Amino acid sequence: MAESKIPLAAIVGPTASGKTSLAVAVCKALGGEAVSCDSMQIYKGMDIATAKPTEAEMQRVPHHLIGFLDPSEPFSVADYCTLASEAIRNIHSRGRQAVLVGGTGLYLRALRQPMAMGEAAADESIRQELQQIADAPGGKEQLHQQLAAVDPDTAQRLHLNDVRRVIRALEVYRLTGRPFSQQPQIKTDSRFSYRVASLTMPRDILYARIEQRIDQMLADGLAEEVSRLLKGGVPRDAKAMKAIGYKEMIPYALGETTLDEAVYALKLNTRHYAKRQLTWMRREEDVLWV
């Protein structure tokens, strides 16, 4: 008899939409624990711009995958899936309800749709070559264009930020000479059954909330946090420092721009990010819009 799937609730949506506070309320109502679905809340010492749950929120409800990784360390989507799956299973084994919460749509999709690897073997040299391209400026777009040229069906299905799958599709094409979309697939299935709710609201209200959040972040010491990370040895070009809130404030912390210019860029980029998050979630299946 097939093992029954673990039920998993997920609360997603754009930045500043109120995901954390709602997740805390849901966890209290369901006897649940929160599992972060945020690609930046994983890092230690990066607390303000990532809008981590407050101490009070974490005391009310247990939170997992928050602040456990040094900002200089690498971390992949596959790493996230491994750790999140482990946390969800552990929560379920204790008779509790796991509630996934965060705005990183790629993490949610990777959990819901485990990658079918196909029958072609792996080639680490090809992967490393493609990963080097992806890590360069504009590299993700370049890889996606390469894939579109040889396998338009797979390119249309994959977002350019889904680097792991894009690399795998290109790797398979190089190894076999056939597009990934025409390969025999080894079917994979998620071990969890999902109920996904995405928060939404009129754009003007969301943007006003973003403005208020950023003003509060600045009052809470965002500029000082960025300076402390740089002085603590976190490289400017570390993946973690490319997160919104850090990449805009680094030039100010280094005296390369004014505070007003940095804040303007931060608010603009955050609005654009929120729009991308909503667009991503609209591509997901079976989402309850709240």
C-alpha atoms as a PDB file:
ATOM      1  CA  MET A   1       0.000   0.000   0.000  1.00  0.00           C
ATOM      2  CA  ALA A   2       1.366   3.388  -0.969  1.00  0.00           C
ATOM      3  CA  GLU A   3       2.361   5.574   1.926  1.00  0.00           C
ATOM      4  CA  SER A   4      -0.190   8.330   2.510  1.00  0.00           C
ATOM      5  CA  LYS A   5       1.022  11.849   1.936  1.00  0.00           C
ATOM      6  CA  ILE A   6       1.685  14.294   4.744  1.00  0.00           C
ATOM      7  CA  PRO A   7      -0.745  17.252   4.630  1.00  0.00           C
ATOM      8  CA  LEU A   8       1.028  20.591   4.308  1.00  0.00           C
ATOM      9  CA  ALA A   9      -0.466  24.063   4.485  1.00  0.00           C
ATOM     10  CA  ALA A  10       1.349  26.900   2.715  1.00  0.00           C
ATOM     11  CA  ILE A  11       0.934  30.660   3.077  1.00  0.00           C
ATOM     12  CA  VAL A  12       2.679  32.581   0.321  1.00  0.00           C
ATOM     13  CA  GLY A  13       2.412  35.942  -1.393  1.00  0.00           C
ATOM     14  CA  PRO A  14       4.290  39.184  -1.986  1.00  0.00           C
ATOM     15  CA  THR A  15       6.572  40.897   0.460  1.00  0.00           C
ATOM     16  CA  ALA A  16       4.863  43.051   3.119  1.00  0.00           C
ATOM     17  CA  SER A  17       1.496  41.347   2.602  1.00  0.00           C
ATOM     18  CA  GLY A  18       1.291  39.958   6.148  1.00  0.00           C
ATOM     19  CA  LYS A  19       2.304  36.327   5.617  1.00  0.00           C
ATOM     20  CA  THR A  20       4.137  35.900   8.922  1.00  0.00           C
ATOM     21  CA  SER A  21       1.420  37.252  11.183  1.00  0.00           C
ATOM     22  CA  LEU A  22      -1.229  35.190   9.382  1.00  0.00           C
ATOM     23  CA  ALA A  23       0.952  32.070   9.587  1.00  0.00           C
ATOM     24  CA  VAL A  24       1.356  32.537  13.334  1.00  0.00           C
ATOM     25  CA  ALA A  25      -2.424  32.772  13.706  1.00  0.00           C
ATOM     26  CA  VAL A  26      -2.963  29.687  11.534  1.00  0.00           C
ATOM     27  CA  CYS A  27      -0.368  27.720  13.489  1.00  0.00           C
ATOM     28  CA  LYS A  28      -2.042  28.653  16.761  1.00  0.00           C
ATOM     29  CA  ALA A  29      -5.421  27.570  15.387  1.00  0.00           C
ATOM     30  CA  LEU A  30      -4.200  24.266  13.907  1.00  0.00           C
ATOM     31  CA  GLY A  31      -1.591  23.290  16.460  1.00  0.00           C
ATOM     32  CA  GLY A  32       1.074  23.955  13.876  1.00  0.00           C
ATOM     33  CA  GLU A  33       4.686  24.951  13.409  1.00  0.00           C
ATOM     34  CA  ALA A  34       6.031  27.287  10.731  1.00  0.00           C
ATOM     35  CA  VAL A  35       8.602  26.230   8.138  1.00  0.00           C
ATOM     36  CA  SER A  36      10.207  29.150   6.336  1.00  0.00           C
ATOM     37  CA  CYS A  37       9.910  29.285   2.547  1.00  0.00           C
ATOM     38  CA  ASP A  38      12.176  32.323   2.226  1.00  0.00           C
ATOM     39  CA  SER A  39      15.554  32.225   0.500  1.00  0.00           C
ATOM     40  CA  MET A  40      17.039  34.999   2.655  1.00  0.00           C
ATOM     41  CA  GLN A  41      15.672  34.321   6.135  1.00  0.00           C
ATOM     42  CA  ILE A  42      17.990  31.303   6.249  1.00  0.00           C
ATOM     43  CA  TYR A  43      21.042  33.509   6.926  1.00  0.00           C
ATOM     44  CA  LYS A  44      22.480  34.443  10.308  1.00  0.00           C
ATOM     45  CA  GLY A  45      22.787  38.136  11.107  1.00  0.00           C
ATOM     46  CA  MET A  46      20.556  39.223   8.233  1.00  0.00           C
ATOM     47  CA  ASP A  47      17.471  40.052  10.226  1.00  0.00           C
ATOM     48  CA  ILE A  48      16.087  43.456   9.291  1.00  0.00           C
ATOM     49  CA  ALA A  49      15.802  43.507   5.475  1.00  0.00           C
ATOM     50  CA  THR A  50      14.703  39.860   5.422  1.00  0.00           C
ATOM     51  CA  ALA A  51      11.796  40.691   7.767  1.00  0.00           C
ATOM     52  CA  LYS A  52      12.382  37.649   9.928  1.00  0.00           C
ATOM     53  CA  PRO A  53       9.683  36.747  12.444  1.00  0.00           C
ATOM     54  CA  THR A  54      10.010  38.722  15.655  1.00  0.00           C
ATOM     55  CA  GLU A  55      11.132  37.126  18.896  1.00  0.00           C
ATOM     56  CA  ALA A  56       7.561  37.395  20.145  1.00  0.00           C
ATOM     57  CA  GLU A  57       6.221  35.587  17.048  1.00  0.00           C
ATOM     58  CA  MET A  58       8.812  32.816  17.376  1.00  0.00           C
ATOM     59  CA  GLN A  59       7.971  32.377  21.051  1.00  0.00           C
ATOM     60  CA  ARG A  60       4.278  31.976  20.211  1.00  0.00           C
ATOM     61  CA  VAL A  61       4.914  29.427  17.455  1.00  0.00           C
ATOM     62  CA  PRO A  62       7.998  27.281  16.674  1.00  0.00           C
ATOM     63  CA  HIS A  63       9.748  28.384  13.456  1.00  0.00           C
ATOM     64  CA  HIS A  64      12.098  26.264  11.354  1.00  0.00           C
ATOM     65  CA  LEU A  65      14.829  27.127   8.804  1.00  0.00           C
ATOM     66  CA  ILE A  66      15.371  30.625  10.189  1.00  0.00           C
ATOM     67  CA  GLY A  67      18.877  32.086  10.636  1.00  0.00           C
ATOM     68  CA  PHE A  68      20.920  28.879  10.530  1.00  0.00           C
ATOM     69  CA  LEU A  69      23.397  29.577   7.682  1.00  0.00           C
ATOM     70  CA  ASP A  70      26.427  31.884   7.500  1.00  0.00           C
ATOM     71  CA  PRO A  71      25.925  34.500   4.737  1.00  0.00           C
ATOM     72  CA  SER A  72      29.179  33.445   3.076  1.00  0.00           C
ATOM     73  CA  GLU A  73      28.110  29.812   2.682  1.00  0.00           C
ATOM     74  CA  PRO A  74      26.525  28.473  -0.532  1.00  0.00           C
ATOM     75  CA  PHE A  75      22.967  27.166  -0.451  1.00  0.00           C
ATOM     76  CA  SER A  76      20.908  25.674  -3.274  1.00  0.00           C
ATOM     77  CA  VAL A  77      17.267  24.946  -3.996  1.00  0.00           C
ATOM     78  CA  ALA A  78      18.095  21.255  -3.584  1.00  0.00           C
ATOM     79  CA  ASP A  79      19.546  21.986  -0.126  1.00  0.00           C
ATOM     80  CA  TYR A  80      16.340  23.769   0.801  1.00  0.00           C
ATOM     81  CA  CYS A  81      14.143  20.895  -0.365  1.00  0.00           C
ATOM     82  CA  THR A  82      16.153  18.443   1.698  1.00  0.00           C
ATOM     83  CA  LEU A  83      16.000  20.502   4.889  1.00  0.00           C
ATOM     84  CA  ALA A  84      12.375  21.586   4.474  1.00  0.00           C
ATOM     85  CA  SER A  85      11.220  18.018   3.788  1.00  0.00           C
ATOM     86  CA  GLU A  86      13.044  16.829   6.892  1.00  0.00           C
ATOM     87  CA  ALA A  87      11.473  19.558   9.020  1.00  0.00           C
ATOM     88  CA  ILE A  88       7.974  18.822   7.689  1.00  0.00           C
ATOM     89  CA  ARG A  89       8.318  15.111   8.389  1.00  0.00           C
ATOM     90  CA  ASN A  90       9.606  15.789  11.907  1.00  0.00           C
ATOM     91  CA  ILE A  91       6.714  18.132  12.661  1.00  0.00           C
ATOM     92  CA  HIS A  92       4.212  15.577  11.371  1.00  0.00           C
ATOM     93  CA  SER A  93       5.825  12.786  13.431  1.00  0.00           C
ATOM     94  CA  ARG A  94       5.078  14.812  16.567  1.00  0.00           C
ATOM     95  CA  GLY A  95       1.407  15.093  15.654  1.00  0.00           C
ATOM     96  CA  ARG A  96       1.697  18.741  14.636  1.00  0.00           C
ATOM     97  CA  GLN A  97       0.673  20.573  11.457  1.00  0.00           C
ATOM     98  CA  ALA A  98       3.472  21.986   9.291  1.00  0.00           C
ATOM     99  CA  VAL A  99       2.712  25.412   7.801  1.00  0.00           C
ATOM    100  CA  LEU A 100       5.024  26.573   5.035  1.00  0.00           C
ATOM    101  CA  VAL A 101       5.337  30.369   4.971  1.00  0.00           C
ATOM    102  CA  GLY A 102       7.316  32.718   2.740  1.00  0.00           C
ATOM    103  CA  GLY A 103       7.568  34.455  -0.583  1.00  0.00           C
ATOM    104  CA  THR A 104      10.183  32.421  -2.478  1.00  0.00           C
ATOM    105  CA  GLY A 105       8.024  30.831  -5.138  1.00  0.00           C
ATOM    106  CA  LEU A 106      10.895  28.789  -6.536  1.00  0.00           C
ATOM    107  CA  TYR A 107      11.260  26.961  -3.209  1.00  0.00           C
ATOM    108  CA  LEU A 108       7.554  26.131  -3.147  1.00  0.00           C
ATOM    109  CA  ARG A 109       7.574  24.891  -6.724  1.00  0.00           C
ATOM    110  CA  ALA A 110      10.646  22.730  -6.131  1.00  0.00           C
ATOM    111  CA  LEU A 111       8.894  21.084  -3.191  1.00  0.00           C
ATOM    112  CA  ARG A 112       5.611  20.592  -5.035  1.00  0.00           C
ATOM    113  CA  GLN A 113       7.192  19.411  -8.282  1.00  0.00           C
ATOM    114  CA  PRO A 114      10.337  17.347  -7.578  1.00  0.00           C
ATOM    115  CA  MET A 115      12.524  17.369 -10.654  1.00  0.00           C
ATOM    116  CA  ALA A 116      12.226  14.436 -13.025  1.00  0.00           C
ATOM    117  CA  MET A 117      15.850  13.726 -13.907  1.00  0.00           C
ATOM    118  CA  GLY A 118      15.298  11.683 -17.059  1.00  0.00           C
ATOM    119  CA  GLU A 119      17.387   8.669 -17.940  1.00  0.00           C
ATOM    120  CA  ALA A 120      20.599  10.475 -18.937  1.00  0.00           C
ATOM    121  CA  ALA A 121      23.461  10.181 -16.487  1.00  0.00           C
ATOM    122  CA  ALA A 122      24.915  13.231 -14.766  1.00  0.00           C
ATOM    123  CA  ASP A 123      28.092  14.922 -16.003  1.00  0.00           C
ATOM    124  CA  GLU A 124      29.692  17.074 -13.323  1.00  0.00           C
ATOM    125  CA  SER A 125      32.014  18.885 -15.732  1.00  0.00           C
ATOM    126  CA  ILE A 126      29.075  20.071 -17.835  1.00  0.00           C
ATOM    127  CA  ARG A 127      27.176  21.142 -14.725  1.00  0.00           C
ATOM    128  CA  GLN A 128      30.130  23.112 -13.404  1.00  0.00           C
ATOM    129  CA  GLU A 129      30.595  24.841 -16.758  1.00  0.00           C
ATOM    130  CA  LEU A 130      26.915  25.815 -16.922  1.00  0.00           C
ATOM    131  CA  GLN A 131      26.867  26.872 -13.273  1.00  0.00           C
ATOM    132  CA  GLN A 132      29.787  29.238 -13.906  1.00  0.00           C
ATOM    133  CA  ILE A 133      27.751  30.858 -16.676  1.00  0.00           C
ATOM    134  CA  ALA A 134      24.736  31.119 -14.363  1.00  0.00           C
ATOM    135  CA  ASP A 135      26.803  32.798 -11.635  1.00  0.00           C
ATOM    136  CA  ALA A 136      28.069  35.534 -13.968  1.00  0.00           C
ATOM    137  CA  PRO A 137      26.114  38.787 -14.489  1.00  0.00           C
ATOM    138  CA  GLY A 138      23.258  38.076 -16.869  1.00  0.00           C
ATOM    139  CA  GLY A 139      24.146  34.399 -16.791  1.00  0.00           C
ATOM    140  CA  LYS A 140      20.710  33.072 -15.902  1.00  0.00           C
ATOM    141  CA  GLU A 141      19.204  34.867 -18.882  1.00  0.00           C
ATOM    142  CA  GLN A 142      21.981  33.527 -21.131  1.00  0.00           C
ATOM    143  CA  LEU A 143      21.374  29.941 -20.014  1.00  0.00           C
ATOM    144  CA  HIS A 144      17.635  30.261 -20.512  1.00  0.00           C
ATOM    145  CA  GLN A 145      18.220  31.591 -24.031  1.00  0.00           C
ATOM    146  CA  GLN A 146      20.495  28.616 -24.772  1.00  0.00           C
ATOM    147  CA  LEU A 147      17.756  26.273 -23.628  1.00  0.00           C
ATOM    148  CA  ALA A 148      15.107  28.067 -25.676  1.00  0.00           C
ATOM    149  CA  ALA A 149      17.249  27.612 -28.778  1.00  0.00           C
ATOM    150  CA  VAL A 150      17.494  23.810 -28.419  1.00  0.00           C
ATOM    151  CA  ASP A 151      14.386  22.936 -26.400  1.00  0.00           C
ATOM    152  CA  PRO A 152      11.698  25.634 -26.582  1.00  0.00           C
ATOM    153  CA  ASP A 153       9.073  23.434 -24.895  1.00  0.00           C
ATOM    154  CA  THR A 154      11.155  22.997 -21.742  1.00  0.00           C
ATOM    155  CA  ALA A 155      12.282  26.632 -21.797  1.00  0.00           C
ATOM    156  CA  GLN A 156       8.665  27.763 -21.872  1.00  0.00           C
ATOM    157  CA  ARG A 157       7.903  25.558 -18.861  1.00  0.00           C
ATOM    158  CA  LEU A 158      10.889  26.644 -16.760  1.00  0.00           C
ATOM    159  CA  HIS A 159      11.425  30.077 -15.246  1.00  0.00           C
ATOM    160  CA  LEU A 160      14.902  31.510 -15.789  1.00  0.00           C
ATOM    161  CA  ASN A 161      15.426  31.582 -12.007  1.00  0.00           C
ATOM    162  CA  ASP A 162      14.929  27.826 -11.886  1.00  0.00           C
ATOM    163  CA  VAL A 163      18.631  27.455 -12.622  1.00  0.00           C
ATOM    164  CA  ARG A 164      18.952  23.864 -11.396  1.00  0.00           C
ATOM    165  CA  ARG A 165      16.366  22.555 -13.851  1.00  0.00           C
ATOM    166  CA  VAL A 166      17.608  24.758 -16.713  1.00  0.00           C
ATOM    167  CA  ILE A 167      21.130  23.398 -16.219  1.00  0.00           C
ATOM    168  CA  ARG A 168      19.835  19.835 -16.080  1.00  0.00           C
ATOM    169  CA  ALA A 169      17.860  20.288 -19.315  1.00  0.00           C
ATOM    170  CA  LEU A 170      20.935  21.676 -21.107  1.00  0.00           C
ATOM    171  CA  GLU A 171      23.086  18.901 -19.653  1.00  0.00           C
ATOM    172  CA  VAL A 172      20.704  16.234 -20.973  1.00  0.00           C
ATOM    173  CA  TYR A 173      20.680  17.836 -24.418  1.00  0.00           C
ATOM    174  CA  ARG A 174      24.469  17.897 -24.560  1.00  0.00           C
ATOM    175  CA  LEU A 175      24.757  14.289 -23.430  1.00  0.00           C
ATOM    176  CA  THR A 176      22.079  12.819 -25.681  1.00  0.00           C
ATOM    177  CA  GLY A 177      21.593  15.270 -28.532  1.00  0.00           C
ATOM    178  CA  ARG A 178      17.860  15.211 -27.857  1.00  0.00           C
ATOM    179  CA  PRO A 179      15.782  17.879 -26.055  1.00  0.00           C
ATOM    180  CA  PHE A 180      14.898  17.191 -22.452  1.00  0.00           C
ATOM    181  CA  SER A 181      11.194  17.426 -23.380  1.00  0.00           C
ATOM    182  CA  GLN A 182      11.619  14.379 -25.640  1.00  0.00           C
ATOM    183  CA  GLN A 183      13.446  12.242 -23.069  1.00  0.00           C
ATOM    184  CA  PRO A 184      11.821   9.310 -21.246  1.00  0.00           C
ATOM    185  CA  GLN A 185      11.042  10.660 -17.797  1.00  0.00           C
ATOM    186  CA  ILE A 186      11.346   9.000 -14.428  1.00  0.00           C
ATOM    187  CA  LYS A 187       8.208  10.237 -12.761  1.00  0.00           C
ATOM    188  CA  THR A 188       8.599  11.826  -9.350  1.00  0.00           C
ATOM    189  CA  ASP A 189       5.917  12.897  -6.947  1.00  0.00           C
ATOM    190  CA  SER A 190       5.868  15.094  -3.884  1.00  0.00           C
ATOM    191  CA  ARG A 191       5.646  13.335  -0.547  1.00  0.00           C
ATOM    192  CA  PHE A 192       3.232  15.992   0.703  1.00  0.00           C
ATOM    193  CA  SER A 193      -0.318  17.023  -0.132  1.00  0.00           C
ATOM    194  CA  TYR A 194      -0.582  20.788  -0.412  1.00  0.00           C
ATOM    195  CA  ARG A 195      -3.148  23.462   0.347  1.00  0.00           C
ATOM    196  CA  VAL A 196      -1.655  26.740  -0.803  1.00  0.00           C
ATOM    197  CA  ALA A 197      -3.050  30.164   0.064  1.00  0.00           C
ATOM    198  CA  SER A 198      -1.544  33.284  -1.496  1.00  0.00           C
ATOM    199  CA  LEU A 199      -2.195  36.707  -0.055  1.00  0.00           C
ATOM    200  CA  THR A 200      -3.100  39.530  -2.400  1.00  0.00           C
ATOM    201  CA  MET A 201      -4.471  43.057  -2.172  1.00  0.00           C
ATOM    202  CA  PRO A 202      -4.926  46.166  -4.325  1.00  0.00           C
ATOM    203  CA  ARG A 203      -1.576  47.338  -5.667  1.00  0.00           C
ATOM    204  CA  ASP A 204      -1.735  50.786  -4.049  1.00  0.00           C
ATOM    205  CA  ILE A 205      -2.318  49.273  -0.604  1.00  0.00           C
ATOM    206  CA  LEU A 206       0.536  46.787  -1.058  1.00  0.00           C
ATOM    207  CA  TYR A 207       2.917  49.526  -2.170  1.00  0.00           C
ATOM    208  CA  ALA A 208       1.951  51.675   0.820  1.00  0.00           C
ATOM    209  CA  ARG A 209       2.713  48.725   3.107  1.00  0.00           C
ATOM    210  CA  ILE A 210       6.088  48.291   1.396  1.00  0.00           C
ATOM    211  CA  GLU A 211       6.917  51.970   1.963  1.00  0.00           C
ATOM    212  CA  GLN A 212       5.980  51.681   5.637  1.00  0.00           C
ATOM    213  CA  ARG A 213       8.005  48.500   6.095  1.00  0.00           C
ATOM    214  CA  ILE A 214      11.132  50.011   4.564  1.00  0.00           C
ATOM    215  CA  ASP A 215      10.823  53.152   6.683  1.00  0.00           C
ATOM    216  CA  GLN A 216      10.587  50.910   9.747  1.00  0.00           C
ATOM    217  CA  MET A 217      13.587  48.854   8.618  1.00  0.00           C
ATOM    218  CA  LEU A 218      15.660  52.018   8.368  1.00  0.00           C
ATOM    219  CA  ALA A 219      14.511  53.087  11.825  1.00  0.00           C
ATOM    220  CA  ASP A 220      15.427  49.629  13.142  1.00  0.00           C
ATOM    221  CA  GLY A 221      18.998  49.993  11.885  1.00  0.00           C
ATOM    222  CA  LEU A 222      19.139  48.491   8.385  1.00  0.00           C
ATOM    223  CA  ALA A 223      22.133  50.619   7.354  1.00  0.00           C
ATOM    224  CA  GLU A 224      24.007  49.602  10.493  1.00  0.00           C
ATOM    225  CA  GLU A 225      23.215  45.926   9.878  1.00  0.00           C
ATOM    226  CA  VAL A 226      24.661  46.115   6.358  1.00  0.00           C
ATOM    227  CA  SER A 227      27.818  47.845   7.645  1.00  0.00           C
ATOM    228  CA  ARG A 228      28.220  45.222  10.360  1.00  0.00           C
ATOM    229  CA  LEU A 229      27.985  42.381   7.820  1.00  0.00           C
ATOM    230  CA  LEU A 230      30.606  43.972   5.565  1.00  0.00           C
ATOM    231  CA  LYS A 231      32.954  44.678   8.471  1.00  0.00           C
ATOM    232  CA  GLY A 232      32.391  41.122   9.693  1.00  0.00           C
ATOM    233  CA  GLY A 233      33.896  39.758   6.489  1.00  0.00           C
ATOM    234  CA  VAL A 234      30.846  38.924   4.392  1.00  0.00           C
ATOM    235  CA  PRO A 235      31.944  39.607   0.789  1.00  0.00           C
ATOM    236  CA  ARG A 236      30.065  42.269  -1.097  1.00  0.00           C
ATOM    237  CA  ASP A 237      29.467  39.815  -3.917  1.00  0.00           C
ATOM    238  CA  ALA A 238      28.210  36.980  -1.689  1.00  0.00           C
ATOM    239  CA  LYS A 239      24.910  35.540  -2.863  1.00  0.00           C
ATOM    240  CA  ALA A 240      23.259  36.576   0.399  1.00  0.00           C
ATOM    241  CA  MET A 241      24.288  40.196  -0.098  1.00  0.00           C
ATOM    242  CA  LYS A 242      22.473  40.339  -3.414  1.00  0.00           C
ATOM    243  CA  ALA A 243      19.149  40.203  -1.602  1.00  0.00           C
ATOM    244  CA  ILE A 244      16.868  43.214  -1.817  1.00  0.00           C
ATOM    245  CA  GLY A 245      17.623  45.515   1.088  1.00  0.00           C
ATOM    246  CA  TYR A 246      21.296  44.640   1.173  1.00  0.00           C
ATOM    247  CA  LYS A 247      22.420  45.214  -2.401  1.00  0.00           C
ATOM    248  CA  GLU A 248      20.840  48.704  -2.382  1.00  0.00           C
ATOM    249  CA  MET A 249      22.332  49.687   0.982  1.00  0.00           C
ATOM    250  CA  ILE A 250      25.867  48.428   0.340  1.00  0.00           C
ATOM    251  CA  PRO A 251      26.823  51.434  -1.843  1.00  0.00           C
ATOM    252  CA  TYR A 252      25.610  53.745   0.932  1.00  0.00           C
ATOM    253  CA  ALA A 253      27.511  51.798   3.594  1.00  0.00           C
ATOM    254  CA  LEU A 254      30.678  52.120   1.484  1.00  0.00           C
ATOM    255  CA  GLY A 255      30.186  55.831   0.835  1.00  0.00           C
ATOM    256  CA  GLU A 256      29.445  55.381  -2.857  1.00  0.00           C
ATOM    257  CA  THR A 257      25.974  56.946  -2.800  1.00  0.00           C
ATOM    258  CA  THR A 258      23.673  58.963  -0.562  1.00  0.00           C
ATOM    259  CA  LEU A 259      21.094  57.539   1.811  1.00  0.00           C
ATOM    260  CA  ASP A 260      18.266  59.086  -0.211  1.00  0.00           C
ATOM    261  CA  GLU A 261      19.517  57.395  -3.397  1.00  0.00           C
ATOM    262  CA  ALA A 262      19.844  54.056  -1.632  1.00  0.00           C
ATOM    263  CA  VAL A 263      16.355  54.264  -0.125  1.00  0.00           C
ATOM    264  CA  TYR A 264      14.831  55.255  -3.459  1.00  0.00           C
ATOM    265  CA  ALA A 265      16.430  52.233  -5.141  1.00  0.00           C
ATOM    266  CA  LEU A 266      15.323  49.961  -2.292  1.00  0.00           C
ATOM    267  CA  LYS A 267      11.689  51.027  -2.456  1.00  0.00           C
ATOM    268  CA  LEU A 268      11.605  50.799  -6.250  1.00  0.00           C
ATOM    269  CA  ASN A 269      13.223  47.360  -6.355  1.00  0.00           C
ATOM    270  CA  THR A 270      10.959  46.064  -3.592  1.00  0.00           C
ATOM    271  CA  ARG A 271       7.845  47.125  -5.492  1.00  0.00           C
ATOM    272  CA  HIS A 272       9.157  45.381  -8.613  1.00  0.00           C
ATOM    273  CA  TYR A 273       9.968  42.273  -6.555  1.00  0.00           C
ATOM    274  CA  ALA A 274       6.454  42.156  -5.099  1.00  0.00           C
ATOM    275  CA  LYS A 275       5.033  42.333  -8.614  1.00  0.00           C
ATOM    276  CA  ARG A 276       7.261  39.431  -9.713  1.00  0.00           C
ATOM    277  CA  GLN A 277       6.178  37.394  -6.694  1.00  0.00           C
ATOM    278  CA  LEU A 278       2.507  37.830  -7.609  1.00  0.00           C
ATOM    279  CA  THR A 279       3.221  36.923 -11.237  1.00  0.00           C
ATOM    280  CA  TRP A 280       5.052  33.779 -10.125  1.00  0.00           C
ATOM    281  CA  MET A 281       2.221  32.673  -7.835  1.00  0.00           C
ATOM    282  CA  ARG A 282      -0.350  33.130 -10.584  1.00  0.00           C
ATOM    283  CA  ARG A 283       1.490  30.391 -12.481  1.00  0.00           C
ATOM    284  CA  GLU A 284       1.071  27.949  -9.602  1.00  0.00           C
ATOM    285  CA  GLU A 285      -1.766  25.441  -9.645  1.00  0.00           C
ATOM    286  CA  ASP A 286      -4.484  25.094  -7.015  1.00  0.00           C
ATOM    287  CA  VAL A 287      -3.887  28.340  -5.151  1.00  0.00           C
ATOM    288  CA  LEU A 288      -6.483  29.918  -2.882  1.00  0.00           C
ATOM    289  CA  TRP A 289      -6.210  33.700  -3.263  1.00  0.00           C
ATOM    290  CA  VAL A 290      -6.881  35.582  -0.029  1.00  0.00           C
END
